Amino acid sequence: MIFSRRAMVAGRVVLSASALAILTALPDILATAGPARRAALMAGIVVFVVGWLAFWWFGIGTRNRSTTVALVAFLTAMLAVLTYLAPPGRDGLLLAAVAAGTAFEPRRAAPMVGGIALLAGAVQLLHGGGALIAAGATVNDLVVGAVAVGGRLLYVTSRSLTRARDEIARLAVSEERLRLARDLHDLLGQNLTLAVLKNELIVRDMPAETPEALKKTQLELGSAIRQSLDDVRLAVAGYRSTDLRAELDGTRAALGAAGIDFSIEDDLGVLPAVQDGVLAWALRESTTNVIRHSQATHCVVRLRRRPAGATLVVEDNGRGAVNAEEGSGLAGIAERAAAIGGSLDATQAPGGGFRMTVSVPLPDA
């Protein structure tokens, strides 16, 4: 990847260390403070540093956006107080602009950075720093915040490009496998099938006086050709490994042709080949069940990704448990999932119909 895990850790270390900028103003602040105020300032700086570290190591990557917002608000308030207590001209709120610019998408980060920049100018005015110092603080925080927003955009774009590259490579491999499978089938499969048929005709039309050794040889030849045909079919089946994205397209077309409404909820992303194949086979089998057995009018497919695994849910509004019978292929799906540590759950849907849930584990990131 363009941004490796090691690079991400190094970036967080550097950004965490940027809190040292606050400490450069510490001697000037403490020099004019009494004992009680000095103790309060030291406690405030310690609390800020803890919050700063918590932001970069926990808040920036959490899925709970309210936690991130709370941390940015906390850092902004702490830095505003420390800036007010520092000598005129010193501006700690630029660190808050960095935090806001990197924590949120641009449309949310831009007004936050603007608000922090205006707050920095207001603090300088309240501090008696003058209009020029206030304007300089405002512009400085705007520039720093814009750089932070640009850094986040660079990271997000690079990550998207990396995923797109992986997807293109996966699709290219899948297309090559399909091409090879077609060639094997067209070039060898048909010829071997013809050879088997002709050999059977030869054996059937042999005169009664044909030596037994010749008949045995001809039978062995037919057996060898038939085995070769089976091997080719197995090879073709192996190369025609299923692809989840292709199966989704096939499912949409098959259900549409059967007059069944189809909807999909997908936040899965790119999966490793093994897990992708298991879910693709499960989707194919479940689609067949819906069309053949369910008498459904609507089917929904949900693809979910979690830190520990990926899940496929196929749910219809048909006849319910009837889907699990009549050779529905659920045993095969369960075997494929179990082979990689996954599971199958086939149950009645809450409002009637049938629900199949296949869960597979994902390798550690």
Foldseek 3Di string as FASTA:
>chain_A
DVQDPVNLVVVLVVLLVVLCLLVVQLVVLCVPDDPVVNVVVVVLSVVLSVLSNCCSPPVLPDPPVVSLVVSLVVNLVSQLVSQLSGQALDHPLLSSLLSLLQRDAPVRSLVVLQVSLQSRLVSNVVSVVDNVSSVVSSVVSNVSSVVSNVVNVVVVVVVVVVLVVVVVVVVVLLVVLLVVLVCLCVVPLVVLVVVLVVLVVCLVPDDPPPDPVVSVVSVVVSVVSVVVNVVSVVSSVVSNQFAQVVLVVVLCVVCVVLQAAEEEADPAGDAPPLVRRLVSVVSVLVSVLCSPPFPFRYKYWYWDDDQFWIKIKIWTQGQFPRSVDDPSCVVVSQVSQVVQPKGWDWGADPNGTIMIMIIHTGDHD
